[in-house]
Amino acid sequence: MARKNDKKIAEIKQMASVFEDPERLDAGWHHKYFQNDHPLVIELGCGWGEYTLSLAARYPEKNFVGIDIKGPRIWKGATAAEAAGLHNVAFARFRIEYIKDFFPPESIDEVWIPFPDPFARKSKSGRRLTSPEFLARYRPLLKPSAILQFKTDSLPLYEWTMETYRSMPDAVEIISHTDHLHSSELLTEETGIPSKFEQLFMNQGVEIKYIKFRLR
């Protein structure tokens, strides 16, 4: 398996749709790649890219970038995008802590955060992708009207995120939320995209939680 993964990691370095080294990217790298100024949507912790690929197929008038640190996952997503002929998709391989190195200010129109690691230990709450620490990283990169959408199977993470955002109304506006997505009116073609993890959780009877919000 290790050799197979090493081969995939080597292959993504040759893929035009995969970006890894911020020092080699200028501020307009995504414009040059997509060759247009369409709205930019990013998926944080994209895994195999289910959201990136599904949304890109639905919205050819938007550009999508899936972000993950796992090389084999990026390889699978980029390979699938190429096979599907999706030219409005790119992938970036980096730790999300360094997101400000990859995108210029006020360049992102929408953010998806599907099923991130809940980092259950309180001492690691700052590593949660919905934490104030990460919001501070996202904020300068977002356009004023940017929307963020978060999904999780973790009730503790959902409740912690809701409590955190309610405690900072000057910084976060909660647009909508539910702890029973698939039986709520918030279920749409977009919010119901069946990722591998989501399907696994649903098969186990786990309710999916969802928050739609923006940063002030």
N, C-alpha and C. Protein backbone atom coordinates (compact mmCIF):
# COMPACT_ATOMS: atom_id res chain seq x y z
N MET A 1 0.83 -1.21 0.00
CA MET A 1 0.00 0.00 0.00
C MET A 1 0.86 1.26 0.00
N ALA A 2 1.98 1.20 0.78
CA ALA A 2 2.85 2.37 0.87
C ALA A 2 3.41 2.73 -0.49
N ARG A 3 3.85 1.72 -1.26
CA ARG A 3 4.41 1.99 -2.58
C ARG A 3 3.35 2.55 -3.52
N LYS A 4 2.14 2.03 -3.41
CA LYS A 4 1.04 2.50 -4.25
C LYS A 4 0.75 3.96 -3.94
N ASN A 5 0.72 4.31 -2.65
CA ASN A 5 0.47 5.69 -2.26
C ASN A 5 1.61 6.61 -2.68
N ASP A 6 2.84 6.13 -2.58
CA ASP A 6 3.99 6.92 -3.02
C ASP A 6 3.88 7.24 -4.51
N LYS A 7 3.40 6.27 -5.28
CA LYS A 7 3.23 6.49 -6.72
C LYS A 7 2.18 7.56 -6.98
N LYS A 8 1.09 7.51 -6.21
CA LYS A 8 0.02 8.51 -6.39
C LYS A 8 0.52 9.90 -6.02
N ILE A 9 1.28 9.98 -4.93
CA ILE A 9 1.81 11.28 -4.50
C ILE A 9 2.76 11.83 -5.56
N ALA A 10 3.54 10.95 -6.17
CA ALA A 10 4.43 11.39 -7.24
C ALA A 10 3.64 11.84 -8.46
N GLU A 11 2.55 11.16 -8.75
CA GLU A 11 1.74 11.50 -9.92
C GLU A 11 1.03 12.84 -9.77
N ILE A 12 0.57 13.17 -8.55
CA ILE A 12 -0.15 14.43 -8.41
C ILE A 12 0.77 15.63 -8.64
N LYS A 13 2.06 15.44 -8.46
CA LYS A 13 3.00 16.53 -8.71
C LYS A 13 3.05 16.89 -10.20
N GLN A 14 2.57 15.97 -11.04
CA GLN A 14 2.55 16.21 -12.48
C GLN A 14 1.17 16.62 -12.98
N MET A 15 0.18 16.65 -12.09
CA MET A 15 -1.18 16.98 -12.50
C MET A 15 -1.37 18.49 -12.53
N ALA A 16 -1.85 19.01 -13.63
CA ALA A 16 -2.05 20.45 -13.78
C ALA A 16 -3.13 20.98 -12.86
N SER A 17 -4.03 20.11 -12.41
CA SER A 17 -5.15 20.55 -11.58
C SER A 17 -4.85 20.49 -10.09
N VAL A 18 -3.62 20.10 -9.72
CA VAL A 18 -3.25 19.98 -8.30
C VAL A 18 -2.16 20.98 -7.96
N PHE A 19 -2.36 21.69 -6.84
CA PHE A 19 -1.43 22.72 -6.42
C PHE A 19 -0.95 22.39 -5.01
N GLU A 20 0.37 22.51 -4.78
CA GLU A 20 0.94 22.13 -3.50
C GLU A 20 1.85 23.19 -2.88
N ASP A 21 2.65 23.87 -3.67
CA ASP A 21 3.70 24.73 -3.15
C ASP A 21 3.30 26.19 -3.27
N PRO A 22 2.94 26.85 -2.15
CA PRO A 22 2.49 28.25 -2.23
C PRO A 22 3.57 29.20 -2.72
N GLU A 23 4.84 28.85 -2.52
CA GLU A 23 5.92 29.73 -2.95
C GLU A 23 6.02 29.81 -4.47
N ARG A 24 5.40 28.85 -5.15
CA ARG A 24 5.42 28.86 -6.61
C ARG A 24 4.13 29.42 -7.21
N LEU A 25 3.24 29.87 -6.34
CA LEU A 25 1.95 30.38 -6.81
C LEU A 25 1.89 31.89 -6.65
N ASP A 26 1.41 32.57 -7.70
CA ASP A 26 1.20 34.00 -7.55
C ASP A 26 -0.23 34.23 -7.05
N ALA A 27 -0.57 35.46 -6.76
CA ALA A 27 -1.86 35.77 -6.14
C ALA A 27 -3.04 35.38 -7.00
N GLY A 28 -2.86 35.29 -8.29
CA GLY A 28 -3.98 34.98 -9.17
C GLY A 28 -3.91 33.58 -9.77
N TRP A 29 -3.30 32.65 -9.04
CA TRP A 29 -3.11 31.32 -9.62
C TRP A 29 -4.41 30.67 -10.03
N HIS A 30 -5.47 30.82 -9.24
CA HIS A 30 -6.73 30.15 -9.58
C HIS A 30 -7.38 30.79 -10.80
N HIS A 31 -7.21 32.10 -10.98
CA HIS A 31 -7.73 32.74 -12.20
C HIS A 31 -7.01 32.20 -13.43
N LYS A 32 -5.70 32.03 -13.31
CA LYS A 32 -4.92 31.53 -14.44
C LYS A 32 -5.29 30.09 -14.77
N TYR A 33 -5.55 29.30 -13.72
CA TYR A 33 -5.90 27.90 -13.98
C TYR A 33 -7.28 27.80 -14.61
N PHE A 34 -8.27 28.47 -14.01
CA PHE A 34 -9.65 28.36 -14.52
C PHE A 34 -9.88 29.24 -15.74
N GLN A 35 -9.04 30.26 -15.91
CA GLN A 35 -9.15 31.19 -17.04
C GLN A 35 -10.49 31.91 -17.07
N ASN A 36 -10.99 32.27 -15.89
CA ASN A 36 -12.21 33.06 -15.79
C ASN A 36 -12.28 33.68 -14.40
N ASP A 37 -13.27 34.50 -14.19
CA ASP A 37 -13.46 35.14 -12.90
C ASP A 37 -14.74 34.66 -12.22
N HIS A 38 -15.11 33.42 -12.43
CA HIS A 38 -16.32 32.87 -11.84
C HIS A 38 -16.19 32.79 -10.32
N PRO A 39 -17.31 32.72 -9.61
CA PRO A 39 -17.26 32.57 -8.15
C PRO A 39 -16.42 31.37 -7.73
N LEU A 40 -15.69 31.53 -6.63
CA LEU A 40 -14.80 30.47 -6.15
C LEU A 40 -15.37 29.82 -4.90
N VAL A 41 -15.51 28.50 -4.95
CA VAL A 41 -16.03 27.70 -3.84
C VAL A 41 -14.94 26.73 -3.41
N ILE A 42 -14.67 26.64 -2.10
CA ILE A 42 -13.66 25.71 -1.63
C ILE A 42 -14.28 24.69 -0.67
N GLU A 43 -13.70 23.50 -0.66
CA GLU A 43 -14.11 22.45 0.27
C GLU A 43 -12.92 22.13 1.16
N LEU A 44 -13.07 22.31 2.46
CA LEU A 44 -12.00 22.07 3.42
C LEU A 44 -12.04 20.63 3.90
N GLY A 45 -10.89 19.96 3.83
CA GLY A 45 -10.85 18.54 4.20
C GLY A 45 -11.68 17.74 3.23
N CYS A 46 -11.39 17.88 1.95
CA CYS A 46 -12.27 17.35 0.90
C CYS A 46 -12.24 15.83 0.78
N GLY A 47 -11.25 15.16 1.39
CA GLY A 47 -11.18 13.71 1.24
C GLY A 47 -11.07 13.32 -0.22
N TRP A 48 -11.99 12.47 -0.66
CA TRP A 48 -11.98 12.04 -2.06
C TRP A 48 -12.67 13.03 -2.99
N GLY A 49 -13.14 14.13 -2.42
CA GLY A 49 -13.69 15.20 -3.24
C GLY A 49 -15.14 15.06 -3.64
N GLU A 50 -15.92 14.33 -2.85
CA GLU A 50 -17.32 14.11 -3.24
C GLU A 50 -18.09 15.43 -3.40
N TYR A 51 -17.90 16.34 -2.46
CA TYR A 51 -18.61 17.62 -2.56
C TYR A 51 -18.07 18.45 -3.72
N THR A 52 -16.76 18.54 -3.81
CA THR A 52 -16.15 19.32 -4.89
C THR A 52 -16.62 18.84 -6.25
N LEU A 53 -16.60 17.54 -6.46
CA LEU A 53 -16.98 16.98 -7.76
C LEU A 53 -18.48 17.12 -8.02
N SER A 54 -19.29 16.83 -7.02
CA SER A 54 -20.74 16.90 -7.21
C SER A 54 -21.20 18.33 -7.45
N LEU A 55 -20.67 19.27 -6.68
CA LEU A 55 -21.05 20.66 -6.87
C LEU A 55 -20.56 21.20 -8.21
N ALA A 56 -19.36 20.80 -8.60
CA ALA A 56 -18.81 21.26 -9.88
C ALA A 56 -19.65 20.78 -11.05
N ALA A 57 -20.15 19.57 -10.96
CA ALA A 57 -21.01 19.04 -12.02
C ALA A 57 -22.34 19.79 -12.09
N ARG A 58 -22.84 20.22 -10.92
CA ARG A 58 -24.11 20.94 -10.87
C ARG A 58 -23.98 22.39 -11.29
N TYR A 59 -22.83 22.99 -11.02
CA TYR A 59 -22.66 24.43 -11.24
C TYR A 59 -21.42 24.72 -12.11
N PRO A 60 -21.54 24.53 -13.40
CA PRO A 60 -20.40 24.80 -14.28
C PRO A 60 -20.02 26.27 -14.33
N GLU A 61 -20.90 27.15 -13.82
CA GLU A 61 -20.62 28.58 -13.82
C GLU A 61 -19.82 29.01 -12.58
N LYS A 62 -19.41 28.04 -11.75
CA LYS A 62 -18.59 28.33 -10.59
C LYS A 62 -17.30 27.51 -10.65
N ASN A 63 -16.29 27.96 -9.94
CA ASN A 63 -15.02 27.24 -9.83
C ASN A 63 -14.91 26.61 -8.44
N PHE A 64 -14.33 25.42 -8.37
CA PHE A 64 -14.25 24.67 -7.12
C PHE A 64 -12.83 24.20 -6.85
N VAL A 65 -12.41 24.33 -5.59
CA VAL A 65 -11.10 23.83 -5.17
C VAL A 65 -11.29 22.96 -3.94
N GLY A 66 -10.91 21.69 -4.03
CA GLY A 66 -10.93 20.78 -2.90
C GLY A 66 -9.58 20.79 -2.21
N ILE A 67 -9.60 20.88 -0.89
CA ILE A 67 -8.36 21.00 -0.12
C ILE A 67 -8.24 19.85 0.86
N ASP A 68 -7.08 19.20 0.84
CA ASP A 68 -6.82 18.12 1.79
C ASP A 68 -5.31 17.93 1.87
N ILE A 69 -4.83 17.34 2.95
CA ILE A 69 -3.40 17.09 3.10
C ILE A 69 -3.01 15.70 2.62
N LYS A 70 -3.99 14.81 2.47
CA LYS A 70 -3.70 13.43 2.10
C LYS A 70 -3.51 13.30 0.58
N GLY A 71 -2.30 12.98 0.17
CA GLY A 71 -2.01 12.87 -1.24
C GLY A 71 -2.85 11.88 -2.01
N PRO A 72 -3.03 10.64 -1.51
CA PRO A 72 -3.85 9.67 -2.24
C PRO A 72 -5.30 10.12 -2.42
N ARG A 73 -5.83 10.85 -1.45
CA ARG A 73 -7.19 11.37 -1.59
C ARG A 73 -7.25 12.42 -2.69
N ILE A 74 -6.28 13.32 -2.69
CA ILE A 74 -6.22 14.34 -3.73
C ILE A 74 -6.09 13.69 -5.10
N TRP A 75 -5.25 12.66 -5.18
CA TRP A 75 -5.07 11.94 -6.44
C TRP A 75 -6.39 11.38 -6.95
N LYS A 76 -7.16 10.77 -6.05
CA LYS A 76 -8.43 10.18 -6.46
C LYS A 76 -9.40 11.24 -6.94
N GLY A 77 -9.49 12.35 -6.21
CA GLY A 77 -10.39 13.41 -6.62
C GLY A 77 -9.99 14.02 -7.94
N ALA A 78 -8.71 14.31 -8.12
CA ALA A 78 -8.24 14.92 -9.36
C ALA A 78 -8.41 13.96 -10.54
N THR A 79 -8.16 12.68 -10.30
CA THR A 79 -8.34 11.68 -11.36
C THR A 79 -9.80 11.57 -11.77
N ALA A 80 -10.70 11.61 -10.78
CA ALA A 80 -12.14 11.54 -11.07
C ALA A 80 -12.60 12.77 -11.82
N ALA A 81 -12.09 13.95 -11.47
CA ALA A 81 -12.47 15.19 -12.16
C ALA A 81 -12.04 15.13 -13.61
N GLU A 82 -10.83 14.62 -13.85
CA GLU A 82 -10.34 14.51 -15.22
C GLU A 82 -11.18 13.53 -16.02
N ALA A 83 -11.52 12.40 -15.41
CA ALA A 83 -12.32 11.39 -16.11
C ALA A 83 -13.71 11.92 -16.44
N ALA A 84 -14.24 12.80 -15.57
CA ALA A 84 -15.58 13.34 -15.78
C ALA A 84 -15.57 14.58 -16.68
N GLY A 85 -14.39 15.03 -17.06
CA GLY A 85 -14.29 16.21 -17.91
C GLY A 85 -14.70 17.49 -17.21
N LEU A 86 -14.45 17.56 -15.90
CA LEU A 86 -14.81 18.75 -15.13
C LEU A 86 -13.65 19.73 -15.14
N HIS A 87 -13.80 20.79 -15.91
CA HIS A 87 -12.72 21.76 -16.04
C HIS A 87 -12.83 22.90 -15.04
N ASN A 88 -13.88 22.87 -14.22
CA ASN A 88 -14.05 23.90 -13.19
C ASN A 88 -13.66 23.38 -11.81
N VAL A 89 -12.74 22.41 -11.78
CA VAL A 89 -12.30 21.78 -10.54
C VAL A 89 -10.77 21.79 -10.44
N ALA A 90 -10.28 22.13 -9.26
CA ALA A 90 -8.86 21.99 -8.96
C ALA A 90 -8.75 21.45 -7.54
N PHE A 91 -7.58 20.98 -7.18
CA PHE A 91 -7.33 20.48 -5.84
C PHE A 91 -6.04 21.09 -5.30
N ALA A 92 -6.00 21.31 -4.00
CA ALA A 92 -4.80 21.86 -3.36
C ALA A 92 -4.44 20.98 -2.18
N ARG A 93 -3.18 20.63 -2.08
CA ARG A 93 -2.72 19.76 -1.01
C ARG A 93 -1.91 20.56 0.00
N PHE A 94 -2.52 20.82 1.15
CA PHE A 94 -1.83 21.53 2.22
C PHE A 94 -2.63 21.41 3.50
N ARG A 95 -1.99 21.71 4.61
CA ARG A 95 -2.68 21.76 5.90
C ARG A 95 -3.50 23.04 5.95
N ILE A 96 -4.73 22.96 6.40
CA ILE A 96 -5.63 24.10 6.33
C ILE A 96 -5.15 25.24 7.22
N GLU A 97 -4.29 24.97 8.19
CA GLU A 97 -3.70 26.05 8.98
C GLU A 97 -3.00 27.08 8.10
N TYR A 98 -2.56 26.65 6.92
CA TYR A 98 -1.79 27.53 6.05
C TYR A 98 -2.62 28.08 4.88
N ILE A 99 -3.92 28.14 5.06
CA ILE A 99 -4.80 28.54 3.96
C ILE A 99 -4.49 29.94 3.45
N LYS A 100 -4.02 30.82 4.33
CA LYS A 100 -3.75 32.20 3.90
C LYS A 100 -2.57 32.28 2.94
N ASP A 101 -1.78 31.22 2.86
CA ASP A 101 -0.66 31.20 1.92
C ASP A 101 -1.12 30.86 0.50
N PHE A 102 -2.35 30.37 0.37
CA PHE A 102 -2.82 29.87 -0.93
C PHE A 102 -3.84 30.75 -1.63
N PHE A 103 -4.55 31.59 -0.86
CA PHE A 103 -5.60 32.39 -1.48
C PHE A 103 -5.42 33.86 -1.13
N PRO A 104 -5.65 34.74 -2.10
CA PRO A 104 -5.53 36.18 -1.82
C PRO A 104 -6.73 36.70 -1.04
N PRO A 105 -6.63 37.87 -0.46
CA PRO A 105 -7.74 38.44 0.31
C PRO A 105 -9.01 38.60 -0.54
N GLU A 106 -10.14 38.35 0.10
CA GLU A 106 -11.47 38.52 -0.50
C GLU A 106 -11.59 37.85 -1.87
N SER A 107 -11.15 36.58 -1.92
CA SER A 107 -11.21 35.84 -3.18
C SER A 107 -12.20 34.69 -3.17
N ILE A 108 -12.70 34.32 -1.98
CA ILE A 108 -13.53 33.12 -1.83
C ILE A 108 -14.99 33.49 -1.62
N ASP A 109 -15.88 32.87 -2.41
CA ASP A 109 -17.30 33.16 -2.34
C ASP A 109 -18.07 32.21 -1.42
N GLU A 110 -17.56 30.99 -1.27
CA GLU A 110 -18.30 30.01 -0.49
C GLU A 110 -17.35 28.96 0.06
N VAL A 111 -17.65 28.46 1.28
CA VAL A 111 -16.80 27.45 1.93
C VAL A 111 -17.68 26.30 2.40
N TRP A 112 -17.25 25.08 2.08
CA TRP A 112 -17.90 23.87 2.61
C TRP A 112 -16.95 23.20 3.59
N ILE A 113 -17.50 22.81 4.74
CA ILE A 113 -16.71 22.11 5.77
C ILE A 113 -17.46 20.82 6.11
N PRO A 114 -17.33 19.79 5.30
CA PRO A 114 -18.10 18.55 5.55
C PRO A 114 -17.33 17.53 6.38
N PHE A 115 -17.88 17.18 7.53
CA PHE A 115 -17.38 16.11 8.38
C PHE A 115 -15.90 16.24 8.76
N PRO A 116 -15.55 17.38 9.35
CA PRO A 116 -14.16 17.53 9.80
C PRO A 116 -13.89 16.72 11.06
N ASP A 117 -12.62 16.52 11.35
CA ASP A 117 -12.23 15.85 12.59
C ASP A 117 -12.78 16.65 13.78
N PRO A 118 -13.54 16.02 14.69
CA PRO A 118 -14.11 16.78 15.82
C PRO A 118 -13.11 17.15 16.90
N PHE A 119 -11.92 16.54 16.90
CA PHE A 119 -10.93 16.80 17.94
C PHE A 119 -11.62 16.87 19.30
N ALA A 120 -12.05 15.70 19.76
CA ALA A 120 -12.92 15.61 20.93
C ALA A 120 -12.30 16.17 22.21
N ARG A 121 -10.99 16.10 22.35
CA ARG A 121 -10.37 16.60 23.58
C ARG A 121 -10.43 18.12 23.64
N LYS A 122 -10.86 18.66 24.78
CA LYS A 122 -11.02 20.09 24.94
C LYS A 122 -9.72 20.84 24.66
N SER A 123 -8.61 20.23 24.99
CA SER A 123 -7.31 20.88 24.78
C SER A 123 -6.99 21.09 23.31
N LYS A 124 -7.73 20.39 22.42
CA LYS A 124 -7.47 20.52 20.99
C LYS A 124 -8.60 21.27 20.27
N SER A 125 -9.43 21.99 21.02
CA SER A 125 -10.56 22.68 20.40
C SER A 125 -10.11 23.70 19.36
N GLY A 126 -8.93 24.26 19.52
CA GLY A 126 -8.43 25.23 18.56
C GLY A 126 -8.10 24.64 17.21
N ARG A 127 -8.07 23.30 17.12
CA ARG A 127 -7.78 22.64 15.85
C ARG A 127 -9.05 22.30 15.07
N ARG A 128 -10.20 22.53 15.68
CA ARG A 128 -11.46 22.28 14.99
C ARG A 128 -11.64 23.31 13.87
N LEU A 129 -12.07 22.86 12.71
CA LEU A 129 -12.18 23.76 11.56
C LEU A 129 -13.27 24.81 11.71
N THR A 130 -14.14 24.64 12.73
CA THR A 130 -15.15 25.65 13.00
C THR A 130 -14.77 26.54 14.19
N SER A 131 -13.58 26.42 14.67
CA SER A 131 -13.16 27.17 15.86
C SER A 131 -12.90 28.64 15.51
N PRO A 132 -12.94 29.52 16.51
CA PRO A 132 -12.59 30.92 16.27
C PRO A 132 -11.20 31.09 15.68
N GLU A 133 -10.28 30.21 16.06
CA GLU A 133 -8.93 30.28 15.51
C GLU A 133 -8.93 30.09 14.00
N PHE A 134 -9.73 29.15 13.52
CA PHE A 134 -9.79 28.93 12.07
C PHE A 134 -10.64 29.99 11.38
N LEU A 135 -11.69 30.47 12.04
CA LEU A 135 -12.48 31.56 11.44
C LEU A 135 -11.59 32.76 11.18
N ALA A 136 -10.65 33.02 12.08
CA ALA A 136 -9.73 34.14 11.91
C ALA A 136 -8.85 33.95 10.67
N ARG A 137 -8.55 32.70 10.35
CA ARG A 137 -7.76 32.42 9.16
C ARG A 137 -8.60 32.60 7.89
N TYR A 138 -9.86 32.20 7.96
CA TYR A 138 -10.72 32.30 6.78
C TYR A 138 -11.11 33.75 6.47
N ARG A 139 -11.39 34.53 7.53
CA ARG A 139 -12.06 35.83 7.37
C ARG A 139 -11.43 36.72 6.30
N PRO A 140 -10.12 36.97 6.31
CA PRO A 140 -9.57 37.89 5.30
C PRO A 140 -9.64 37.37 3.87
N LEU A 141 -9.87 36.07 3.71
CA LEU A 141 -9.90 35.48 2.38
C LEU A 141 -11.30 35.50 1.76
N LEU A 142 -12.31 35.77 2.58
CA LEU A 142 -13.70 35.69 2.14
C LEU A 142 -14.20 37.01 1.59
N LYS A 143 -15.03 36.93 0.56
CA LYS A 143 -15.74 38.10 0.09
C LYS A 143 -16.79 38.47 1.15
N PRO A 144 -17.20 39.74 1.22
CA PRO A 144 -18.14 40.16 2.26
C PRO A 144 -19.42 39.34 2.32
N SER A 145 -19.87 38.83 1.18
CA SER A 145 -21.12 38.07 1.13
C SER A 145 -20.93 36.56 1.24
N ALA A 146 -19.71 36.11 1.52
CA ALA A 146 -19.39 34.68 1.50
C ALA A 146 -20.21 33.89 2.51
N ILE A 147 -20.63 32.70 2.08
CA ILE A 147 -21.40 31.77 2.91
C ILE A 147 -20.52 30.58 3.27
N LEU A 148 -20.65 30.10 4.52
CA LEU A 148 -19.96 28.89 4.96
C LEU A 148 -21.00 27.86 5.36
N GLN A 149 -20.75 26.59 4.99
CA GLN A 149 -21.68 25.51 5.30
C GLN A 149 -20.91 24.36 5.93
N PHE A 150 -21.43 23.92 7.07
CA PHE A 150 -20.74 22.92 7.89
C PHE A 150 -21.67 21.74 8.15
N LYS A 151 -21.15 20.53 7.96
CA LYS A 151 -21.91 19.31 8.25
C LYS A 151 -21.07 18.40 9.14
N THR A 152 -21.75 17.69 10.04
CA THR A 152 -21.03 16.78 10.92
C THR A 152 -21.95 15.68 11.43
N ASP A 153 -21.34 14.58 11.79
CA ASP A 153 -22.06 13.50 12.47
C ASP A 153 -21.92 13.65 13.98
N SER A 154 -21.01 14.52 14.41
CA SER A 154 -20.66 14.64 15.82
C SER A 154 -21.58 15.62 16.54
N LEU A 155 -22.42 15.13 17.42
CA LEU A 155 -23.28 16.01 18.20
C LEU A 155 -22.46 16.94 19.11
N PRO A 156 -21.42 16.44 19.80
CA PRO A 156 -20.61 17.36 20.61
C PRO A 156 -19.99 18.50 19.79
N LEU A 157 -19.51 18.19 18.58
CA LEU A 157 -18.91 19.24 17.76
C LEU A 157 -19.97 20.24 17.30
N TYR A 158 -21.13 19.73 16.91
CA TYR A 158 -22.23 20.60 16.49
C TYR A 158 -22.65 21.52 17.64
N GLU A 159 -22.86 20.96 18.82
CA GLU A 159 -23.30 21.76 19.96
C GLU A 159 -22.24 22.77 20.37
N TRP A 160 -20.98 22.37 20.35
CA TRP A 160 -19.89 23.28 20.70
C TRP A 160 -19.82 24.42 19.70
N THR A 161 -19.96 24.10 18.41
CA THR A 161 -19.91 25.13 17.37
C THR A 161 -21.07 26.11 17.52
N MET A 162 -22.29 25.59 17.75
CA MET A 162 -23.44 26.46 17.94
C MET A 162 -23.25 27.36 19.17
N GLU A 163 -22.80 26.78 20.26
CA GLU A 163 -22.59 27.57 21.49
C GLU A 163 -21.53 28.64 21.26
N THR A 164 -20.46 28.26 20.57
CA THR A 164 -19.37 29.21 20.30
C THR A 164 -19.86 30.36 19.43
N TYR A 165 -20.59 30.05 18.37
CA TYR A 165 -21.05 31.11 17.46
C TYR A 165 -22.10 32.00 18.11
N ARG A 166 -22.96 31.42 18.93
CA ARG A 166 -23.96 32.24 19.63
C ARG A 166 -23.31 33.20 20.62
N SER A 167 -22.12 32.84 21.09
CA SER A 167 -21.41 33.69 22.05
C SER A 167 -20.64 34.82 21.37
N MET A 168 -20.60 34.83 20.03
CA MET A 168 -19.86 35.85 19.31
C MET A 168 -20.71 36.42 18.17
N PRO A 169 -21.89 37.00 18.49
CA PRO A 169 -22.81 37.49 17.45
C PRO A 169 -22.24 38.63 16.61
N ASP A 170 -21.26 39.36 17.14
CA ASP A 170 -20.66 40.43 16.37
C ASP A 170 -19.72 39.91 15.29
N ALA A 171 -19.35 38.63 15.40
CA ALA A 171 -18.39 38.04 14.45
C ALA A 171 -19.01 37.01 13.53
N VAL A 172 -20.09 36.34 14.00
CA VAL A 172 -20.70 35.25 13.23
C VAL A 172 -22.22 35.42 13.18
N GLU A 173 -22.77 35.28 11.99
CA GLU A 173 -24.22 35.26 11.81
C GLU A 173 -24.65 33.85 11.44
N ILE A 174 -25.43 33.19 12.30
CA ILE A 174 -25.96 31.87 11.99
C ILE A 174 -27.21 32.06 11.14
N ILE A 175 -27.17 31.55 9.92
CA ILE A 175 -28.29 31.72 8.98
C ILE A 175 -29.34 30.65 9.20
N SER A 176 -28.90 29.41 9.32
CA SER A 176 -29.82 28.30 9.57
C SER A 176 -29.03 27.14 10.17
N HIS A 177 -29.75 26.24 10.84
CA HIS A 177 -29.07 25.10 11.46
C HIS A 177 -30.10 24.02 11.80
N THR A 178 -29.62 22.79 11.91
CA THR A 178 -30.46 21.68 12.33
C THR A 178 -29.59 20.53 12.80
N ASP A 179 -30.10 19.77 13.77
CA ASP A 179 -29.38 18.57 14.19
C ASP A 179 -30.02 17.32 13.60
N HIS A 180 -30.97 17.50 12.65
CA HIS A 180 -31.60 16.39 11.94
C HIS A 180 -31.75 16.78 10.47
N LEU A 181 -30.64 16.92 9.78
CA LEU A 181 -30.66 17.46 8.42
C LEU A 181 -31.59 16.70 7.49
N HIS A 182 -31.53 15.37 7.50
CA HIS A 182 -32.24 14.59 6.49
C HIS A 182 -33.74 14.47 6.74
N SER A 183 -34.20 15.04 7.85
CA SER A 183 -35.64 15.11 8.08
C SER A 183 -36.09 16.56 8.24
N SER A 184 -35.28 17.49 7.74
CA SER A 184 -35.60 18.91 7.88
C SER A 184 -35.78 19.56 6.52
N GLU A 185 -36.33 20.76 6.53
CA GLU A 185 -36.53 21.52 5.30
C GLU A 185 -35.22 22.07 4.75
N LEU A 186 -34.15 21.92 5.49
CA LEU A 186 -32.84 22.38 5.02
C LEU A 186 -32.15 21.37 4.11
N LEU A 187 -32.76 20.21 3.96
CA LEU A 187 -32.19 19.21 3.06
C LEU A 187 -32.47 19.60 1.62
N THR A 188 -31.43 19.79 0.83
CA THR A 188 -31.54 20.16 -0.58
C THR A 188 -30.58 19.29 -1.38
N GLU A 189 -30.54 19.50 -2.68
CA GLU A 189 -29.59 18.76 -3.51
C GLU A 189 -28.16 19.03 -3.05
N GLU A 190 -27.90 20.27 -2.64
CA GLU A 190 -26.56 20.63 -2.18
C GLU A 190 -26.24 20.03 -0.82
N THR A 191 -27.10 20.29 0.16
CA THR A 191 -26.80 19.84 1.53
C THR A 191 -26.89 18.32 1.67
N GLY A 192 -27.59 17.68 0.73
CA GLY A 192 -27.75 16.23 0.81
C GLY A 192 -26.78 15.42 -0.02
N ILE A 193 -25.75 16.07 -0.57
CA ILE A 193 -24.76 15.32 -1.35
C ILE A 193 -24.19 14.19 -0.48
N PRO A 194 -24.28 12.94 -0.95
CA PRO A 194 -23.92 11.79 -0.11
C PRO A 194 -22.43 11.46 -0.16
N SER A 195 -21.66 12.04 0.73
CA SER A 195 -20.25 11.69 0.82
C SER A 195 -20.11 10.28 1.39
N LYS A 196 -18.94 9.71 1.24
CA LYS A 196 -18.68 8.37 1.75
C LYS A 196 -18.91 8.30 3.25
N PHE A 197 -18.40 9.29 3.98
CA PHE A 197 -18.55 9.29 5.43
C PHE A 197 -20.01 9.50 5.83
N GLU A 198 -20.70 10.39 5.14
CA GLU A 198 -22.09 10.65 5.48
C GLU A 198 -22.94 9.40 5.32
N GLN A 199 -22.75 8.69 4.23
CA GLN A 199 -23.53 7.47 3.99
C GLN A 199 -23.24 6.44 5.07
N LEU A 200 -21.98 6.35 5.48
CA LEU A 200 -21.60 5.42 6.54
C LEU A 200 -22.31 5.75 7.84
N PHE A 201 -22.31 7.03 8.19
CA PHE A 201 -22.97 7.44 9.43
C PHE A 201 -24.47 7.20 9.36
N MET A 202 -25.09 7.51 8.23
CA MET A 202 -26.53 7.33 8.09
C MET A 202 -26.91 5.86 8.18
N ASN A 203 -26.07 4.99 7.63
CA ASN A 203 -26.33 3.55 7.71
C ASN A 203 -26.29 3.06 9.15
N GLN A 204 -25.57 3.80 9.99
CA GLN A 204 -25.48 3.46 11.41
C GLN A 204 -26.56 4.14 12.23
N GLY A 205 -27.44 4.88 11.57
CA GLY A 205 -28.52 5.58 12.26
C GLY A 205 -28.12 6.88 12.91
N VAL A 206 -26.98 7.43 12.52
CA VAL A 206 -26.49 8.68 13.10
C VAL A 206 -27.13 9.86 12.38
N GLU A 207 -27.67 10.81 13.13
CA GLU A 207 -28.26 12.00 12.54
C GLU A 207 -27.15 12.95 12.06
N ILE A 208 -27.40 13.58 10.92
CA ILE A 208 -26.43 14.53 10.37
C ILE A 208 -26.83 15.95 10.81
N LYS A 209 -25.83 16.69 11.29
CA LYS A 209 -26.05 18.05 11.75
C LYS A 209 -25.50 19.05 10.72
N TYR A 210 -26.11 20.24 10.70
CA TYR A 210 -25.76 21.20 9.65
C TYR A 210 -25.90 22.63 10.17
N ILE A 211 -24.94 23.47 9.80
CA ILE A 211 -25.00 24.90 10.12
C ILE A 211 -24.60 25.69 8.88
N LYS A 212 -25.40 26.67 8.54
CA LYS A 212 -25.07 27.61 7.47
C LYS A 212 -24.85 28.97 8.13
N PHE A 213 -23.72 29.61 7.85
CA PHE A 213 -23.39 30.85 8.53
C PHE A 213 -22.52 31.75 7.68
N ARG A 214 -22.35 32.98 8.14
CA ARG A 214 -21.42 33.89 7.49
C ARG A 214 -20.67 34.64 8.57
N LEU A 215 -19.52 35.18 8.19
CA LEU A 215 -18.70 35.96 9.12
C LEU A 215 -18.96 37.44 8.92
N ARG A 216 -19.10 38.15 10.01
CA ARG A 216 -19.39 39.58 9.94
C ARG A 216 -18.10 40.38 9.80
